[in-house]
Amino acid sequence: PPPASRGAYTAPRPPGVMSAVFPELVDRKVSVVTNDGRNIVGVLRGYDQLTNLIMTDSHERVFSASAGVEQAEIGLQIVKGDNIAVIGELDEDVDAQLDLNAIRAEPLKAVVH
């Protein structure tokens, strides 16, 4: 890894490691955090060998330290695989209980390579 003074380090992932879990996530609601700090929630409809994602019924959750979480509807979304930092299945029951208007948080910063 590079010296700590250069910022966060993300090791390159071997081909196929991330996509090994994708079949079980298809047609489920997922949350994707991108390298530029965006949080996109939607239904995963497909993916390819480069971990590019196709999501439907998507919205972006925009966090703010001074206001509640804003949800911007974006519908069909294609997320490039090289822009994905984290992906995970969203527990819809837990998510439905969240009061997004009461959540305050600093927006995520971009991943530094």
C-alpha atoms as a PDB file:
ATOM      1  CA  PRO A   1       0.000   0.000   0.000  1.00  0.00           C
ATOM      2  CA  PRO A   2       1.063   3.605  -0.518  1.00  0.00           C
ATOM      3  CA  PRO A   3       2.170   5.719   2.444  1.00  0.00           C
ATOM      4  CA  ALA A   4      -0.581   6.815   4.831  1.00  0.00           C
ATOM      5  CA  SER A   5       0.081  10.458   3.973  1.00  0.00           C
ATOM      6  CA  ARG A   6      -1.435   9.910   0.513  1.00  0.00           C
ATOM      7  CA  GLY A   7      -4.889   9.135   1.957  1.00  0.00           C
ATOM      8  CA  ALA A   8      -7.051   6.048   2.043  1.00  0.00           C
ATOM      9  CA  TYR A   9      -5.935   2.988   0.148  1.00  0.00           C
ATOM     10  CA  THR A  10      -8.274   0.610  -1.626  1.00  0.00           C
ATOM     11  CA  ALA A  11      -6.640  -2.609  -2.778  1.00  0.00           C
ATOM     12  CA  PRO A  12      -7.644  -3.705  -6.272  1.00  0.00           C
ATOM     13  CA  ARG A  13     -10.157  -6.512  -6.095  1.00  0.00           C
ATOM     14  CA  PRO A  14      -9.497  -9.718  -8.013  1.00  0.00           C
ATOM     15  CA  PRO A  15     -11.883 -10.293 -10.925  1.00  0.00           C
ATOM     16  CA  GLY A  16     -15.044 -12.123  -9.953  1.00  0.00           C
ATOM     17  CA  VAL A  17     -14.722 -11.719  -6.172  1.00  0.00           C
ATOM     18  CA  MET A  18     -17.408  -9.084  -5.782  1.00  0.00           C
ATOM     19  CA  SER A  19     -19.669 -10.531  -8.460  1.00  0.00           C
ATOM     20  CA  ALA A  20     -19.728 -13.937  -6.721  1.00  0.00           C
ATOM     21  CA  VAL A  21     -22.454 -12.653  -4.369  1.00  0.00           C
ATOM     22  CA  PHE A  22     -24.499 -10.854  -7.022  1.00  0.00           C
ATOM     23  CA  PRO A  23     -26.761 -13.757  -8.094  1.00  0.00           C
ATOM     24  CA  GLU A  24     -28.371 -13.820  -4.644  1.00  0.00           C
ATOM     25  CA  LEU A  25     -28.957 -10.041  -4.736  1.00  0.00           C
ATOM     26  CA  VAL A  26     -30.772  -9.909  -8.101  1.00  0.00           C
ATOM     27  CA  ASP A  27     -34.373  -8.678  -7.717  1.00  0.00           C
ATOM     28  CA  ARG A  28     -33.677  -7.536  -4.157  1.00  0.00           C
ATOM     29  CA  LYS A  29     -33.411  -4.023  -2.770  1.00  0.00           C
ATOM     30  CA  VAL A  30     -29.771  -3.036  -2.314  1.00  0.00           C
ATOM     31  CA  SER A  31     -27.820  -0.039  -1.103  1.00  0.00           C
ATOM     32  CA  VAL A  32     -24.755   1.005  -3.087  1.00  0.00           C
ATOM     33  CA  VAL A  33     -22.127   3.443  -1.827  1.00  0.00           C
ATOM     34  CA  THR A  34     -20.079   4.802  -4.700  1.00  0.00           C
ATOM     35  CA  ASN A  35     -16.470   5.951  -4.708  1.00  0.00           C
ATOM     36  CA  ASP A  36     -17.671   9.550  -5.063  1.00  0.00           C
ATOM     37  CA  GLY A  37     -19.711   9.258  -1.831  1.00  0.00           C
ATOM     38  CA  ARG A  38     -23.206   8.759  -3.235  1.00  0.00           C
ATOM     39  CA  ASN A  39     -25.677   6.378  -1.565  1.00  0.00           C
ATOM     40  CA  ILE A  40     -28.032   4.823  -4.112  1.00  0.00           C
ATOM     41  CA  VAL A  41     -30.892   2.536  -3.056  1.00  0.00           C
ATOM     42  CA  GLY A  42     -32.844   0.470  -5.577  1.00  0.00           C
ATOM     43  CA  VAL A  43     -33.712  -2.972  -6.884  1.00  0.00           C
ATOM     44  CA  LEU A  44     -30.765  -4.785  -8.473  1.00  0.00           C
ATOM     45  CA  ARG A  45     -31.936  -6.113 -11.842  1.00  0.00           C
ATOM     46  CA  GLY A  46     -28.660  -7.207 -13.393  1.00  0.00           C
ATOM     47  CA  TYR A  47     -24.894  -6.994 -13.526  1.00  0.00           C
ATOM     48  CA  ASP A  48     -22.047  -7.955 -15.818  1.00  0.00           C
ATOM     49  CA  GLN A  49     -18.501  -9.333 -15.563  1.00  0.00           C
ATOM     50  CA  LEU A  50     -17.160  -5.822 -14.872  1.00  0.00           C
ATOM     51  CA  THR A  51     -19.565  -5.447 -11.901  1.00  0.00           C
ATOM     52  CA  ASN A  52     -21.572  -2.780 -13.720  1.00  0.00           C
ATOM     53  CA  LEU A  53     -25.019  -2.737 -12.089  1.00  0.00           C
ATOM     54  CA  ILE A  54     -28.498  -2.134 -13.459  1.00  0.00           C
ATOM     55  CA  MET A  55     -30.917  -0.904 -10.811  1.00  0.00           C
ATOM     56  CA  THR A  56     -34.588   0.092 -11.020  1.00  0.00           C
ATOM     57  CA  ASP A  57     -36.881   2.041  -8.691  1.00  0.00           C
ATOM     58  CA  SER A  58     -33.751   3.850  -7.520  1.00  0.00           C
ATOM     59  CA  HIS A  59     -33.283   6.911  -5.380  1.00  0.00           C
ATOM     60  CA  GLU A  60     -30.241   8.658  -4.020  1.00  0.00           C
ATOM     61  CA  ARG A  61     -30.093   9.383  -0.310  1.00  0.00           C
ATOM     62  CA  VAL A  62     -28.427  12.727   0.260  1.00  0.00           C
ATOM     63  CA  PHE A  63     -27.171  13.215   3.817  1.00  0.00           C
ATOM     64  CA  SER A  64     -26.766  16.570   5.543  1.00  0.00           C
ATOM     65  CA  ALA A  65     -25.536  17.624   8.970  1.00  0.00           C
ATOM     66  CA  SER A  66     -28.214  20.316   9.188  1.00  0.00           C
ATOM     67  CA  ALA A  67     -31.292  18.658   7.658  1.00  0.00           C
ATOM     68  CA  GLY A  68     -32.859  15.242   7.307  1.00  0.00           C
ATOM     69  CA  VAL A  69     -31.958  12.776   4.588  1.00  0.00           C
ATOM     70  CA  GLU A  70     -33.240  13.911   1.193  1.00  0.00           C
ATOM     71  CA  GLN A  71     -34.309  11.196  -1.243  1.00  0.00           C
ATOM     72  CA  ALA A  72     -33.961  12.117  -4.902  1.00  0.00           C
ATOM     73  CA  GLU A  73     -35.819   9.755  -7.230  1.00  0.00           C
ATOM     74  CA  ILE A  74     -33.601   8.614 -10.119  1.00  0.00           C
ATOM     75  CA  GLY A  75     -35.511   5.562 -11.437  1.00  0.00           C
ATOM     76  CA  LEU A  76     -33.415   3.396 -13.740  1.00  0.00           C
ATOM     77  CA  GLN A  77     -29.753   3.639 -12.773  1.00  0.00           C
ATOM     78  CA  ILE A  78     -26.611   2.106 -14.241  1.00  0.00           C
ATOM     79  CA  VAL A  79     -23.659   2.143 -11.840  1.00  0.00           C
ATOM     80  CA  LYS A  80     -20.205   1.489 -13.273  1.00  0.00           C
ATOM     81  CA  GLY A  81     -18.396  -1.316 -11.480  1.00  0.00           C
ATOM     82  CA  ASP A  82     -15.220   0.685 -10.982  1.00  0.00           C
ATOM     83  CA  ASN A  83     -17.257   3.297  -9.071  1.00  0.00           C
ATOM     84  CA  ILE A  84     -18.662   0.895  -6.448  1.00  0.00           C
ATOM     85  CA  ALA A  85     -17.175   1.093  -2.956  1.00  0.00           C
ATOM     86  CA  VAL A  86     -19.784  -1.001  -1.069  1.00  0.00           C
ATOM     87  CA  ILE A  87     -22.942  -2.916  -1.966  1.00  0.00           C
ATOM     88  CA  GLY A  88     -25.293  -4.717   0.374  1.00  0.00           C
ATOM     89  CA  GLU A  89     -28.830  -6.002   0.647  1.00  0.00           C
ATOM     90  CA  LEU A  90     -31.198  -3.582   2.348  1.00  0.00           C
ATOM     91  CA  ASP A  91     -33.441  -4.984   5.092  1.00  0.00           C
ATOM     92  CA  GLU A  92     -36.734  -3.443   3.959  1.00  0.00           C
ATOM     93  CA  ASP A  93     -38.441  -3.928   7.348  1.00  0.00           C
ATOM     94  CA  VAL A  94     -35.682  -2.066   9.191  1.00  0.00           C
ATOM     95  CA  ASP A  95     -35.474   0.569   6.444  1.00  0.00           C
ATOM     96  CA  ALA A  96     -39.238   1.222   6.641  1.00  0.00           C
ATOM     97  CA  GLN A  97     -38.911   2.009  10.365  1.00  0.00           C
ATOM     98  CA  LEU A  98     -36.230   4.673   9.849  1.00  0.00           C
ATOM     99  CA  ASP A  99     -37.264   8.296  10.236  1.00  0.00           C
ATOM    100  CA  LEU A 100     -35.030   9.741   7.518  1.00  0.00           C
ATOM    101  CA  ASN A 101     -36.134  13.292   8.401  1.00  0.00           C
ATOM    102  CA  ALA A 102     -34.557  12.880  11.847  1.00  0.00           C
ATOM    103  CA  ILE A 103     -31.208  11.512  10.640  1.00  0.00           C
ATOM    104  CA  ARG A 104     -28.367  14.020  10.496  1.00  0.00           C
ATOM    105  CA  ALA A 105     -24.991  13.036   9.089  1.00  0.00           C
ATOM    106  CA  GLU A 106     -22.128  14.560   7.172  1.00  0.00           C
ATOM    107  CA  PRO A 107     -22.125  13.521   3.510  1.00  0.00           C
ATOM    108  CA  LEU A 108     -19.559  10.827   2.672  1.00  0.00           C
ATOM    109  CA  LYS A 109     -16.329  12.030   1.169  1.00  0.00           C
ATOM    110  CA  ALA A 110     -14.991  10.576  -2.057  1.00  0.00           C
ATOM    111  CA  VAL A 111     -12.649   7.595  -1.874  1.00  0.00           C
ATOM    112  CA  VAL A 112      -9.054   8.703  -2.484  1.00  0.00           C
ATOM    113  CA  HIS A 113      -6.844   6.339  -4.468  1.00  0.00           C
END
